[in-house]
Amino acid sequence: MDQNTKRVNALLGSSDGAVLGMVGGLGDGRSAAGAQGSTGTLPAGNYVFKIVCAGDKDMQFQRFRSGAAPETFTIPCGEVREIRRTLQGGTLTVELAGLRKGTEAVGGIRVVKAHPKP
């Protein structure tokens, strides 16, 4: 897990400017596989969700606002995925879940305010 954590941190890059994020194990068996999440209050605006995992075939990512239906994606491990979304503001929860129990998979996410395109 230490190697996968280092790989995830390297792929995510600096946490400077992150408004929400986490890195943690996904294959520990606490749920169907493992899951890690983070919740925060964000102002309205455009955001980039940078998501990555290491140590498994793929993972599941969920994003949802308090009281809203979640958006769910399955993301291949080893790839950095960036998802851009405009949020209305309020409580935001992001969750990463491993799809297989008993792996040493690690996932991470950083949410940053998107810079306007030139």
PDB file of N, CA and C in Angstrom:
ATOM      1  N   MET A   1       0.807  -1.195   0.000  1.00  0.00           N
ATOM      2  CA  MET A   1       0.000   0.000   0.000  1.00  0.00           C
ATOM      3  C   MET A   1       0.850   1.258   0.000  1.00  0.00           C
ATOM      4  N   ASP A   2       2.010   1.196   0.636  1.00  0.00           N
ATOM      5  CA  ASP A   2       2.870   2.385   0.668  1.00  0.00           C
ATOM      6  C   ASP A   2       3.279   2.806  -0.743  1.00  0.00           C
ATOM      7  N   GLN A   3       3.647   1.826  -1.580  1.00  0.00           N
ATOM      8  CA  GLN A   3       4.036   2.135  -2.959  1.00  0.00           C
ATOM      9  C   GLN A   3       2.866   2.722  -3.737  1.00  0.00           C
ATOM     10  N   ASN A   4       1.668   2.161  -3.561  1.00  0.00           N
ATOM     11  CA  ASN A   4       0.491   2.678  -4.258  1.00  0.00           C
ATOM     12  C   ASN A   4       0.132   4.088  -3.775  1.00  0.00           C
ATOM     13  N   THR A   5       0.303   4.347  -2.483  1.00  0.00           N
ATOM     14  CA  THR A   5       0.046   5.688  -1.947  1.00  0.00           C
ATOM     15  C   THR A   5       1.017   6.692  -2.556  1.00  0.00           C
ATOM     16  N   LYS A   6       2.294   6.328  -2.649  1.00  0.00           N
ATOM     17  CA  LYS A   6       3.293   7.212  -3.265  1.00  0.00           C
ATOM     18  C   LYS A   6       2.953   7.479  -4.720  1.00  0.00           C
ATOM     19  N   ARG A   7       2.535   6.434  -5.428  1.00  0.00           N
ATOM     20  CA  ARG A   7       2.183   6.587  -6.853  1.00  0.00           C
ATOM     21  C   ARG A   7       0.982   7.516  -7.022  1.00  0.00           C
ATOM     22  N   VAL A   8      -0.053   7.326  -6.207  1.00  0.00           N
ATOM     23  CA  VAL A   8      -1.248   8.177  -6.283  1.00  0.00           C
ATOM     24  C   VAL A   8      -0.878   9.628  -5.996  1.00  0.00           C
ATOM     25  N   ASN A   9      -0.098   9.872  -4.944  1.00  0.00           N
ATOM     26  CA  ASN A   9       0.311  11.241  -4.619  1.00  0.00           C
ATOM     27  C   ASN A   9       1.120  11.866  -5.746  1.00  0.00           C
ATOM     28  N   ALA A  10       2.001  11.086  -6.374  1.00  0.00           N
ATOM     29  CA  ALA A  10       2.791  11.607  -7.488  1.00  0.00           C
ATOM     30  C   ALA A  10       1.898  11.950  -8.681  1.00  0.00           C
ATOM     31  N   LEU A  11       0.917  11.087  -8.973  1.00  0.00           N
ATOM     32  CA  LEU A  11       0.020  11.340 -10.105  1.00  0.00           C
ATOM     33  C   LEU A  11      -0.912  12.520  -9.850  1.00  0.00           C
ATOM     34  N   LEU A  12      -1.348  12.694  -8.594  1.00  0.00           N
ATOM     35  CA  LEU A  12      -2.212  13.826  -8.271  1.00  0.00           C
ATOM     36  C   LEU A  12      -1.464  15.149  -8.293  1.00  0.00           C
ATOM     37  N   GLY A  13      -0.189  15.114  -7.959  1.00  0.00           N
ATOM     38  CA  GLY A  13       0.590  16.341  -7.911  1.00  0.00           C
ATOM     39  C   GLY A  13       0.310  17.126  -6.644  1.00  0.00           C
ATOM     40  N   SER A  14       0.703  18.370  -6.664  1.00  0.00           N
ATOM     41  CA  SER A  14       0.595  19.245  -5.501  1.00  0.00           C
ATOM     42  C   SER A  14      -0.852  19.427  -5.056  1.00  0.00           C
ATOM     43  N   SER A  15      -1.017  19.551  -3.749  1.00  0.00           N
ATOM     44  CA  SER A  15      -2.357  19.812  -3.211  1.00  0.00           C
ATOM     45  C   SER A  15      -2.612  21.310  -3.058  1.00  0.00           C
ATOM     46  N   ASP A  16      -1.671  22.149  -3.511  1.00  0.00           N
ATOM     47  CA  ASP A  16      -1.862  23.598  -3.443  1.00  0.00           C
ATOM     48  C   ASP A  16      -3.120  23.985  -4.207  1.00  0.00           C
ATOM     49  N   GLY A  17      -3.971  24.736  -3.590  1.00  0.00           N
ATOM     50  CA  GLY A  17      -5.191  25.197  -4.235  1.00  0.00           C
ATOM     51  C   GLY A  17      -6.356  24.232  -4.145  1.00  0.00           C
ATOM     52  N   ALA A  18      -6.137  23.045  -3.585  1.00  0.00           N
ATOM     53  CA  ALA A  18      -7.237  22.080  -3.471  1.00  0.00           C
ATOM     54  C   ALA A  18      -8.251  22.583  -2.451  1.00  0.00           C
ATOM     55  N   VAL A  19      -9.537  22.506  -2.790  1.00  0.00           N
ATOM     56  CA  VAL A  19     -10.596  22.922  -1.877  1.00  0.00           C
ATOM     57  C   VAL A  19     -11.233  21.716  -1.191  1.00  0.00           C
ATOM     58  N   LEU A  20     -10.947  20.521  -1.707  1.00  0.00           N
ATOM     59  CA  LEU A  20     -11.450  19.280  -1.129  1.00  0.00           C
ATOM     60  C   LEU A  20     -10.579  18.155  -1.665  1.00  0.00           C
ATOM     61  N   GLY A  21     -10.320  17.136  -0.868  1.00  0.00           N
ATOM     62  CA  GLY A  21      -9.521  16.031  -1.374  1.00  0.00           C
ATOM     63  C   GLY A  21      -9.271  14.970  -0.330  1.00  0.00           C
ATOM     64  N   MET A  22      -8.706  13.850  -0.816  1.00  0.00           N
ATOM     65  CA  MET A  22      -8.352  12.747   0.055  1.00  0.00           C
ATOM     66  C   MET A  22      -7.493  11.756  -0.714  1.00  0.00           C
ATOM     67  N   VAL A  23      -6.730  10.965   0.036  1.00  0.00           N
ATOM     68  CA  VAL A  23      -5.979   9.823  -0.488  1.00  0.00           C
ATOM     69  C   VAL A  23      -6.140   8.719   0.543  1.00  0.00           C
ATOM     70  N   GLY A  24      -6.497   7.500   0.088  1.00  0.00           N
ATOM     71  CA  GLY A  24      -6.658   6.417   1.049  1.00  0.00           C
ATOM     72  C   GLY A  24      -6.848   5.068   0.394  1.00  0.00           C
ATOM     73  N   GLY A  25      -6.809   4.031   1.221  1.00  0.00           N
ATOM     74  CA  GLY A  25      -6.939   2.659   0.757  1.00  0.00           C
ATOM     75  C   GLY A  25      -8.344   2.333   0.283  1.00  0.00           C
ATOM     76  N   LEU A  26      -8.434   1.522  -0.785  1.00  0.00           N
ATOM     77  CA  LEU A  26      -9.719   1.161  -1.378  1.00  0.00           C
ATOM     78  C   LEU A  26      -9.995  -0.333  -1.361  1.00  0.00           C
ATOM     79  N   GLY A  27      -9.067  -1.134  -0.926  1.00  0.00           N
ATOM     80  CA  GLY A  27      -9.260  -2.580  -0.992  1.00  0.00           C
ATOM     81  C   GLY A  27      -9.271  -3.256   0.358  1.00  0.00           C
ATOM     82  N   ASP A  28      -9.620  -2.494   1.401  1.00  0.00           N
ATOM     83  CA  ASP A  28      -9.477  -3.018   2.760  1.00  0.00           C
ATOM     84  C   ASP A  28     -10.664  -3.831   3.252  1.00  0.00           C
ATOM     85  N   GLY A  29     -11.727  -3.904   2.479  1.00  0.00           N
ATOM     86  CA  GLY A  29     -12.839  -4.761   2.864  1.00  0.00           C
ATOM     87  C   GLY A  29     -13.829  -4.176   3.848  1.00  0.00           C
ATOM     88  N   ARG A  30     -13.790  -2.879   4.108  1.00  0.00           N
ATOM     89  CA  ARG A  30     -14.742  -2.287   5.044  1.00  0.00           C
ATOM     90  C   ARG A  30     -16.154  -2.223   4.469  1.00  0.00           C
ATOM     91  N   SER A  31     -16.254  -2.227   3.162  1.00  0.00           N
ATOM     92  CA  SER A  31     -17.563  -2.321   2.513  1.00  0.00           C
ATOM     93  C   SER A  31     -17.429  -3.441   1.496  1.00  0.00           C
ATOM     94  N   ALA A  32     -18.198  -3.422   0.423  1.00  0.00           N
ATOM     95  CA  ALA A  32     -18.060  -4.463  -0.605  1.00  0.00           C
ATOM     96  C   ALA A  32     -16.608  -4.554  -1.043  1.00  0.00           C
ATOM     97  N   ALA A  33     -15.983  -3.449  -1.203  1.00  0.00           N
ATOM     98  CA  ALA A  33     -14.530  -3.351  -1.288  1.00  0.00           C
ATOM     99  C   ALA A  33     -14.208  -2.293  -0.242  1.00  0.00           C
ATOM    100  N   GLY A  34     -13.333  -1.371  -0.485  1.00  0.00           N
ATOM    101  CA  GLY A  34     -13.083  -0.300   0.465  1.00  0.00           C
ATOM    102  C   GLY A  34     -13.569   1.007  -0.110  1.00  0.00           C
ATOM    103  N   ALA A  35     -13.761   1.995   0.726  1.00  0.00           N
ATOM    104  CA  ALA A  35     -14.198   3.305   0.254  1.00  0.00           C
ATOM    105  C   ALA A  35     -13.563   4.388   1.109  1.00  0.00           C
ATOM    106  N   GLN A  36     -13.319   5.517   0.494  1.00  0.00           N
ATOM    107  CA  GLN A  36     -12.800   6.692   1.171  1.00  0.00           C
ATOM    108  C   GLN A  36     -13.579   7.888   0.652  1.00  0.00           C
ATOM    109  N   GLY A  37     -13.803   8.880   1.479  1.00  0.00           N
ATOM    110  CA  GLY A  37     -14.543  10.045   1.033  1.00  0.00           C
ATOM    111  C   GLY A  37     -14.144  11.295   1.763  1.00  0.00           C
ATOM    112  N   SER A  38     -14.689  12.395   1.293  1.00  0.00           N
ATOM    113  CA  SER A  38     -14.438  13.687   1.887  1.00  0.00           C
ATOM    114  C   SER A  38     -15.654  14.573   1.640  1.00  0.00           C
ATOM    115  N   THR A  39     -15.968  15.419   2.605  1.00  0.00           N
ATOM    116  CA  THR A  39     -17.111  16.323   2.489  1.00  0.00           C
ATOM    117  C   THR A  39     -16.673  17.723   2.871  1.00  0.00           C
ATOM    118  N   GLY A  40     -17.167  18.708   2.133  1.00  0.00           N
ATOM    119  CA  GLY A  40     -16.870  20.100   2.443  1.00  0.00           C
ATOM    120  C   GLY A  40     -17.938  21.003   1.868  1.00  0.00           C
ATOM    121  N   THR A  41     -17.888  22.272   2.234  1.00  0.00           N
ATOM    122  CA  THR A  41     -18.816  23.266   1.708  1.00  0.00           C
ATOM    123  C   THR A  41     -18.058  24.138   0.723  1.00  0.00           C
ATOM    124  N   LEU A  42     -18.567  24.201  -0.504  1.00  0.00           N
ATOM    125  CA  LEU A  42     -17.908  24.955  -1.557  1.00  0.00           C
ATOM    126  C   LEU A  42     -18.820  26.052  -2.083  1.00  0.00           C
ATOM    127  N   PRO A  43     -18.246  27.201  -2.463  1.00  0.00           N
ATOM    128  CA  PRO A  43     -19.052  28.231  -3.099  1.00  0.00           C
ATOM    129  C   PRO A  43     -19.389  27.834  -4.532  1.00  0.00           C
ATOM    130  N   ALA A  44     -20.392  28.460  -5.098  1.00  0.00           N
ATOM    131  CA  ALA A  44     -20.754  28.207  -6.494  1.00  0.00           C
ATOM    132  C   ALA A  44     -19.565  28.517  -7.391  1.00  0.00           C
ATOM    133  N   GLY A  45     -19.431  27.740  -8.457  1.00  0.00           N
ATOM    134  CA  GLY A  45     -18.349  28.003  -9.400  1.00  0.00           C
ATOM    135  C   GLY A  45     -18.000  26.780 -10.216  1.00  0.00           C
ATOM    136  N   ASN A  46     -16.954  26.922 -11.010  1.00  0.00           N
ATOM    137  CA  ASN A  46     -16.458  25.846 -11.864  1.00  0.00           C
ATOM    138  C   ASN A  46     -15.299  25.151 -11.160  1.00  0.00           C
ATOM    139  N   TYR A  47     -15.333  23.814 -11.185  1.00  0.00           N
ATOM    140  CA  TYR A  47     -14.335  23.022 -10.477  1.00  0.00           C
ATOM    141  C   TYR A  47     -13.796  21.909 -11.364  1.00  0.00           C
ATOM    142  N   VAL A  48     -12.571  21.486 -11.058  1.00  0.00           N
ATOM    143  CA  VAL A  48     -11.950  20.334 -11.705  1.00  0.00           C
ATOM    144  C   VAL A  48     -11.749  19.275 -10.630  1.00  0.00           C
ATOM    145  N   PHE A  49     -12.244  18.065 -10.912  1.00  0.00           N
ATOM    146  CA  PHE A  49     -12.061  16.912 -10.050  1.00  0.00           C
ATOM    147  C   PHE A  49     -10.942  16.090 -10.668  1.00  0.00           C
ATOM    148  N   LYS A  50      -9.805  15.977  -9.999  1.00  0.00           N
ATOM    149  CA  LYS A  50      -8.674  15.178 -10.481  1.00  0.00           C
ATOM    150  C   LYS A  50      -8.675  13.883  -9.682  1.00  0.00           C
ATOM    151  N   ILE A  51      -8.837  12.736 -10.382  1.00  0.00           N
ATOM    152  CA  ILE A  51      -9.070  11.449  -9.724  1.00  0.00           C
ATOM    153  C   ILE A  51      -8.059  10.429 -10.241  1.00  0.00           C
ATOM    154  N   VAL A  52      -7.522   9.594  -9.340  1.00  0.00           N
ATOM    155  CA  VAL A  52      -6.560   8.573  -9.743  1.00  0.00           C
ATOM    156  C   VAL A  52      -6.577   7.423  -8.736  1.00  0.00           C
ATOM    157  N   CYS A  53      -6.188   6.234  -9.190  1.00  0.00           N
ATOM    158  CA  CYS A  53      -5.983   5.114  -8.271  1.00  0.00           C
ATOM    159  C   CYS A  53      -4.816   4.270  -8.761  1.00  0.00           C
ATOM    160  N   ALA A  54      -4.298   3.450  -7.879  1.00  0.00           N
ATOM    161  CA  ALA A  54      -3.204   2.542  -8.194  1.00  0.00           C
ATOM    162  C   ALA A  54      -3.422   1.244  -7.421  1.00  0.00           C
ATOM    163  N   GLY A  55      -3.059   0.118  -8.032  1.00  0.00           N
ATOM    164  CA  GLY A  55      -3.093  -1.159  -7.329  1.00  0.00           C
ATOM    165  C   GLY A  55      -4.291  -2.031  -7.605  1.00  0.00           C
ATOM    166  N   ASP A  56      -5.118  -1.664  -8.567  1.00  0.00           N
ATOM    167  CA  ASP A  56      -6.273  -2.482  -8.923  1.00  0.00           C
ATOM    168  C   ASP A  56      -6.580  -2.238 -10.394  1.00  0.00           C
ATOM    169  N   LYS A  57      -7.616  -2.882 -10.882  1.00  0.00           N
ATOM    170  CA  LYS A  57      -8.009  -2.749 -12.287  1.00  0.00           C
ATOM    171  C   LYS A  57      -8.781  -1.454 -12.521  1.00  0.00           C
ATOM    172  N   ASP A  58      -9.705  -1.122 -11.622  1.00  0.00           N
ATOM    173  CA  ASP A  58     -10.465   0.103 -11.723  1.00  0.00           C
ATOM    174  C   ASP A  58     -11.093   0.439 -10.380  1.00  0.00           C
ATOM    175  N   MET A  59     -11.722   1.600 -10.308  1.00  0.00           N
ATOM    176  CA  MET A  59     -12.392   2.050  -9.084  1.00  0.00           C
ATOM    177  C   MET A  59     -13.653   2.786  -9.482  1.00  0.00           C
ATOM    178  N   GLN A  60     -14.469   3.070  -8.500  1.00  0.00           N
ATOM    179  CA  GLN A  60     -15.700   3.821  -8.735  1.00  0.00           C
ATOM    180  C   GLN A  60     -15.587   5.171  -8.039  1.00  0.00           C
ATOM    181  N   PHE A  61     -16.042   6.203  -8.720  1.00  0.00           N
ATOM    182  CA  PHE A  61     -16.044   7.557  -8.168  1.00  0.00           C
ATOM    183  C   PHE A  61     -17.481   8.045  -8.099  1.00  0.00           C
ATOM    184  N   GLN A  62     -17.852   8.635  -6.978  1.00  0.00           N
ATOM    185  CA  GLN A  62     -19.177   9.242  -6.842  1.00  0.00           C
ATOM    186  C   GLN A  62     -19.018  10.674  -6.368  1.00  0.00           C
ATOM    187  N   ARG A  63     -19.845  11.523  -6.942  1.00  0.00           N
ATOM    188  CA  ARG A  63     -19.882  12.923  -6.522  1.00  0.00           C
ATOM    189  C   ARG A  63     -21.336  13.257  -6.279  1.00  0.00           C
ATOM    190  N   PHE A  64     -21.618  13.845  -5.158  1.00  0.00           N
ATOM    191  CA  PHE A  64     -23.000  14.261  -4.937  1.00  0.00           C
ATOM    192  C   PHE A  64     -23.064  15.429  -3.976  1.00  0.00           C
ATOM    193  N   ARG A  65     -24.062  16.252  -4.194  1.00  0.00           N
ATOM    194  CA  ARG A  65     -24.343  17.361  -3.295  1.00  0.00           C
ATOM    195  C   ARG A  65     -25.396  16.894  -2.318  1.00  0.00           C
ATOM    196  N   SER A  66     -25.435  17.517  -1.190  1.00  0.00           N
ATOM    197  CA  SER A  66     -26.423  17.164  -0.184  1.00  0.00           C
ATOM    198  C   SER A  66     -27.822  17.233  -0.803  1.00  0.00           C
ATOM    199  N   GLY A  67     -28.559  16.126  -0.733  1.00  0.00           N
ATOM    200  CA  GLY A  67     -29.914  16.085  -1.260  1.00  0.00           C
ATOM    201  C   GLY A  67     -30.015  15.822  -2.741  1.00  0.00           C
ATOM    202  N   ALA A  68     -28.906  15.622  -3.427  1.00  0.00           N
ATOM    203  CA  ALA A  68     -28.937  15.383  -4.875  1.00  0.00           C
ATOM    204  C   ALA A  68     -28.555  13.941  -5.171  1.00  0.00           C
ATOM    205  N   ALA A  69     -29.023  13.433  -6.297  1.00  0.00           N
ATOM    206  CA  ALA A  69     -28.642  12.085  -6.725  1.00  0.00           C
ATOM    207  C   ALA A  69     -27.165  12.081  -7.105  1.00  0.00           C
ATOM    208  N   PRO A  70     -26.432  11.032  -6.753  1.00  0.00           N
ATOM    209  CA  PRO A  70     -24.996  10.998  -7.068  1.00  0.00           C
ATOM    210  C   PRO A  70     -24.734  10.793  -8.552  1.00  0.00           C
ATOM    211  N   GLU A  71     -23.616  11.329  -8.974  1.00  0.00           N
ATOM    212  CA  GLU A  71     -23.071  11.055 -10.298  1.00  0.00           C
ATOM    213  C   GLU A  71     -22.026   9.975 -10.073  1.00  0.00           C
ATOM    214  N   THR A  72     -22.037   8.893 -10.830  1.00  0.00           N
ATOM    215  CA  THR A  72     -21.119   7.784 -10.609  1.00  0.00           C
ATOM    216  C   THR A  72     -20.366   7.447 -11.884  1.00  0.00           C
ATOM    217  N   PHE A  73     -19.062   7.238 -11.757  1.00  0.00           N
ATOM    218  CA  PHE A  73     -18.205   6.853 -12.870  1.00  0.00           C
ATOM    219  C   PHE A  73     -17.335   5.685 -12.443  1.00  0.00           C
ATOM    220  N   THR A  74     -17.027   4.776 -13.356  1.00  0.00           N
ATOM    221  CA  THR A  74     -15.997   3.769 -13.127  1.00  0.00           C
ATOM    222  C   THR A  74     -14.761   4.235 -13.876  1.00  0.00           C
ATOM    223  N   ILE A  75     -13.647   4.307 -13.161  1.00  0.00           N
ATOM    224  CA  ILE A  75     -12.414   4.881 -13.702  1.00  0.00           C
ATOM    225  C   ILE A  75     -11.305   3.849 -13.649  1.00  0.00           C
ATOM    226  N   PRO A  76     -10.597   3.631 -14.778  1.00  0.00           N
ATOM    227  CA  PRO A  76      -9.472   2.690 -14.773  1.00  0.00           C
ATOM    228  C   PRO A  76      -8.351   3.172 -13.855  1.00  0.00           C
ATOM    229  N   CYS A  77      -7.780   2.260 -13.082  1.00  0.00           N
ATOM    230  CA  CYS A  77      -6.631   2.606 -12.252  1.00  0.00           C
ATOM    231  C   CYS A  77      -5.417   2.869 -13.131  1.00  0.00           C
ATOM    232  N   GLY A  78      -4.530   3.706 -12.631  1.00  0.00           N
ATOM    233  CA  GLY A  78      -3.305   4.027 -13.341  1.00  0.00           C
ATOM    234  C   GLY A  78      -3.436   5.220 -14.263  1.00  0.00           C
ATOM    235  N   GLU A  79      -4.646   5.688 -14.485  1.00  0.00           N
ATOM    236  CA  GLU A  79      -4.879   6.857 -15.337  1.00  0.00           C
ATOM    237  C   GLU A  79      -5.340   8.016 -14.469  1.00  0.00           C
ATOM    238  N   VAL A  80      -4.929   9.227 -14.818  1.00  0.00           N
ATOM    239  CA  VAL A  80      -5.432  10.416 -14.153  1.00  0.00           C
ATOM    240  C   VAL A  80      -6.659  10.865 -14.933  1.00  0.00           C
ATOM    241  N   ARG A  81      -7.776  10.995 -14.249  1.00  0.00           N
ATOM    242  CA  ARG A  81      -9.018  11.440 -14.890  1.00  0.00           C
ATOM    243  C   ARG A  81      -9.352  12.817 -14.350  1.00  0.00           C
ATOM    244  N   GLU A  82      -9.644  13.753 -15.241  1.00  0.00           N
ATOM    245  CA  GLU A  82     -10.086  15.080 -14.829  1.00  0.00           C
ATOM    246  C   GLU A  82     -11.510  15.289 -15.313  1.00  0.00           C
ATOM    247  N   ILE A  83     -12.370  15.673 -14.397  1.00  0.00           N
ATOM    248  CA  ILE A  83     -13.776  15.921 -14.702  1.00  0.00           C
ATOM    249  C   ILE A  83     -14.079  17.357 -14.308  1.00  0.00           C
ATOM    250  N   ARG A  84     -14.618  18.120 -15.239  1.00  0.00           N
ATOM    251  CA  ARG A  84     -14.985  19.512 -14.966  1.00  0.00           C
ATOM    252  C   ARG A  84     -16.482  19.602 -14.720  1.00  0.00           C
ATOM    253  N   ARG A  85     -16.853  20.330 -13.679  1.00  0.00           N
ATOM    254  CA  ARG A  85     -18.260  20.506 -13.355  1.00  0.00           C
ATOM    255  C   ARG A  85     -18.499  21.919 -12.824  1.00  0.00           C
ATOM    256  N   THR A  86     -19.667  22.450 -13.135  1.00  0.00           N
ATOM    257  CA  THR A  86     -20.130  23.699 -12.548  1.00  0.00           C
ATOM    258  C   THR A  86     -21.040  23.331 -11.381  1.00  0.00           C
ATOM    259  N   LEU A  87     -20.690  23.821 -10.202  1.00  0.00           N
ATOM    260  CA  LEU A  87     -21.458  23.515  -8.995  1.00  0.00           C
ATOM    261  C   LEU A  87     -22.222  24.749  -8.541  1.00  0.00           C
ATOM    262  N   GLN A  88     -23.408  24.534  -8.001  1.00  0.00           N
ATOM    263  CA  GLN A  88     -24.240  25.631  -7.518  1.00  0.00           C
ATOM    264  C   GLN A  88     -23.850  26.080  -6.120  1.00  0.00           C
ATOM    265  N   GLY A  89     -22.935  25.381  -5.509  1.00  0.00           N
ATOM    266  CA  GLY A  89     -22.494  25.729  -4.164  1.00  0.00           C
ATOM    267  C   GLY A  89     -23.233  24.911  -3.117  1.00  0.00           C
ATOM    268  N   GLY A  90     -22.656  24.823  -1.940  1.00  0.00           N
ATOM    269  CA  GLY A  90     -23.247  24.057  -0.855  1.00  0.00           C
ATOM    270  C   GLY A  90     -22.360  22.893  -0.466  1.00  0.00           C
ATOM    271  N   THR A  91     -22.945  21.934   0.232  1.00  0.00           N
ATOM    272  CA  THR A  91     -22.197  20.771   0.703  1.00  0.00           C
ATOM    273  C   THR A  91     -21.922  19.828  -0.452  1.00  0.00           C
ATOM    274  N   LEU A  92     -20.670  19.425  -0.583  1.00  0.00           N
ATOM    275  CA  LEU A  92     -20.262  18.485  -1.621  1.00  0.00           C
ATOM    276  C   LEU A  92     -19.578  17.302  -0.961  1.00  0.00           C
ATOM    277  N   THR A  93     -19.958  16.102  -1.348  1.00  0.00           N
ATOM    278  CA  THR A  93     -19.291  14.884  -0.898  1.00  0.00           C
ATOM    279  C   THR A  93     -18.727  14.173  -2.114  1.00  0.00           C
ATOM    280  N   VAL A  94     -17.484  13.737  -2.015  1.00  0.00           N
ATOM    281  CA  VAL A  94     -16.864  12.920  -3.055  1.00  0.00           C
ATOM    282  C   VAL A  94     -16.453  11.608  -2.405  1.00  0.00           C
ATOM    283  N   GLU A  95     -16.589  10.503  -3.131  1.00  0.00           N
ATOM    284  CA  GLU A  95     -16.239   9.204  -2.587  1.00  0.00           C
ATOM    285  C   GLU A  95     -15.587   8.353  -3.666  1.00  0.00           C
ATOM    286  N   LEU A  96     -14.528   7.654  -3.282  1.00  0.00           N
ATOM    287  CA  LEU A  96     -13.863   6.682  -4.145  1.00  0.00           C
ATOM    288  C   LEU A  96     -14.066   5.314  -3.521  1.00  0.00           C
ATOM    289  N   ALA A  97     -14.374   4.337  -4.344  1.00  0.00           N
ATOM    290  CA  ALA A  97     -14.582   2.978  -3.835  1.00  0.00           C
ATOM    291  C   ALA A  97     -13.832   1.987  -4.701  1.00  0.00           C
ATOM    292  N   GLY A  98     -13.125   1.070  -4.057  1.00  0.00           N
ATOM    293  CA  GLY A  98     -12.513  -0.034  -4.783  1.00  0.00           C
ATOM    294  C   GLY A  98     -13.596  -1.014  -5.206  1.00  0.00           C
ATOM    295  N   LEU A  99     -13.366  -1.708  -6.293  1.00  0.00           N
ATOM    296  CA  LEU A  99     -14.364  -2.654  -6.779  1.00  0.00           C
ATOM    297  C   LEU A  99     -14.040  -4.093  -6.409  1.00  0.00           C
ATOM    298  N   ARG A 100     -12.849  -4.323  -5.810  1.00  0.00           N
ATOM    299  CA  ARG A 100     -12.470  -5.663  -5.388  1.00  0.00           C
ATOM    300  C   ARG A 100     -11.936  -5.624  -3.967  1.00  0.00           C
ATOM    301  N   LYS A 101     -12.422  -6.521  -3.155  1.00  0.00           N
ATOM    302  CA  LYS A 101     -11.976  -6.627  -1.773  1.00  0.00           C
ATOM    303  C   LYS A 101     -10.607  -7.299  -1.719  1.00  0.00           C
ATOM    304  N   GLY A 102      -9.804  -6.920  -0.747  1.00  0.00           N
ATOM    305  CA  GLY A 102      -8.545  -7.605  -0.494  1.00  0.00           C
ATOM    306  C   GLY A 102      -7.363  -7.146  -1.333  1.00  0.00           C
ATOM    307  N   THR A 103      -7.492  -6.043  -2.072  1.00  0.00           N
ATOM    308  CA  THR A 103      -6.353  -5.526  -2.832  1.00  0.00           C
ATOM    309  C   THR A 103      -5.614  -4.492  -1.986  1.00  0.00           C
ATOM    310  N   GLU A 104      -4.487  -4.043  -2.480  1.00  0.00           N
ATOM    311  CA  GLU A 104      -3.761  -2.954  -1.833  1.00  0.00           C
ATOM    312  C   GLU A 104      -3.985  -1.664  -2.609  1.00  0.00           C
ATOM    313  N   ALA A 105      -5.149  -1.533  -3.225  1.00  0.00           N
ATOM    314  CA  ALA A 105      -5.469  -0.363  -4.032  1.00  0.00           C
ATOM    315  C   ALA A 105      -5.556   0.896  -3.172  1.00  0.00           C
ATOM    316  N   VAL A 106      -5.107   1.989  -3.766  1.00  0.00           N
ATOM    317  CA  VAL A 106      -5.175   3.308  -3.133  1.00  0.00           C
ATOM    318  C   VAL A 106      -5.761   4.265  -4.163  1.00  0.00           C
ATOM    319  N   GLY A 107      -6.652   5.126  -3.717  1.00  0.00           N
ATOM    320  CA  GLY A 107      -7.238   6.123  -4.606  1.00  0.00           C
ATOM    321  C   GLY A 107      -7.078   7.507  -4.023  1.00  0.00           C
ATOM    322  N   GLY A 108      -7.165   8.491  -4.898  1.00  0.00           N
ATOM    323  CA  GLY A 108      -7.069   9.867  -4.434  1.00  0.00           C
ATOM    324  C   GLY A 108      -7.862  10.802  -5.323  1.00  0.00           C
ATOM    325  N   ILE A 109      -8.257  11.899  -4.738  1.00  0.00           N
ATOM    326  CA  ILE A 109      -8.992  12.923  -5.476  1.00  0.00           C
ATOM    327  C   ILE A 109      -8.594  14.293  -4.962  1.00  0.00           C
ATOM    328  N   ARG A 110      -8.509  15.232  -5.874  1.00  0.00           N
ATOM    329  CA  ARG A 110      -8.318  16.630  -5.514  1.00  0.00           C
ATOM    330  C   ARG A 110      -9.374  17.424  -6.271  1.00  0.00           C
ATOM    331  N   VAL A 111     -10.042  18.319  -5.590  1.00  0.00           N
ATOM    332  CA  VAL A 111     -11.013  19.210  -6.214  1.00  0.00           C
ATOM    333  C   VAL A 111     -10.419  20.614  -6.134  1.00  0.00           C
ATOM    334  N   VAL A 112     -10.273  21.249  -7.288  1.00  0.00           N
ATOM    335  CA  VAL A 112      -9.714  22.601  -7.344  1.00  0.00           C
ATOM    336  C   VAL A 112     -10.657  23.506  -8.114  1.00  0.00           C
ATOM    337  N   LYS A 113     -10.637  24.774  -7.789  1.00  0.00           N
ATOM    338  CA  LYS A 113     -11.410  25.766  -8.523  1.00  0.00           C
ATOM    339  C   LYS A 113     -10.811  25.863  -9.923  1.00  0.00           C
ATOM    340  N   ALA A 114     -11.633  25.766 -10.954  1.00  0.00           N
ATOM    341  CA  ALA A 114     -11.157  25.817 -12.339  1.00  0.00           C
ATOM    342  C   ALA A 114     -10.786  27.257 -12.696  1.00  0.00           C
ATOM    343  N   HIS A 115      -9.704  27.393 -13.412  1.00  0.00           N
ATOM    344  CA  HIS A 115      -9.295  28.707 -13.909  1.00  0.00           C
ATOM    345  C   HIS A 115     -10.052  28.983 -15.205  1.00  0.00           C
ATOM    346  N   PRO A 116     -10.445  30.201 -15.432  1.00  0.00           N
ATOM    347  CA  PRO A 116     -11.144  30.505 -16.684  1.00  0.00           C
ATOM    348  C   PRO A 116     -10.255  30.192 -17.877  1.00  0.00           C
ATOM    349  N   LYS A 117     -10.864  29.674 -18.942  1.00  0.00           N
ATOM    350  CA  LYS A 117     -10.095  29.379 -20.153  1.00  0.00           C
ATOM    351  C   LYS A 117      -9.791  30.694 -20.881  1.00  0.00           C
ATOM    352  N   PRO A 118      -8.556  30.820 -21.398  1.00  0.00           N
ATOM    353  CA  PRO A 118      -8.184  32.074 -22.080  1.00  0.00           C
ATOM    354  C   PRO A 118      -8.952  32.259 -23.375  1.00  0.00           C
TER     355      PRO A 118
END
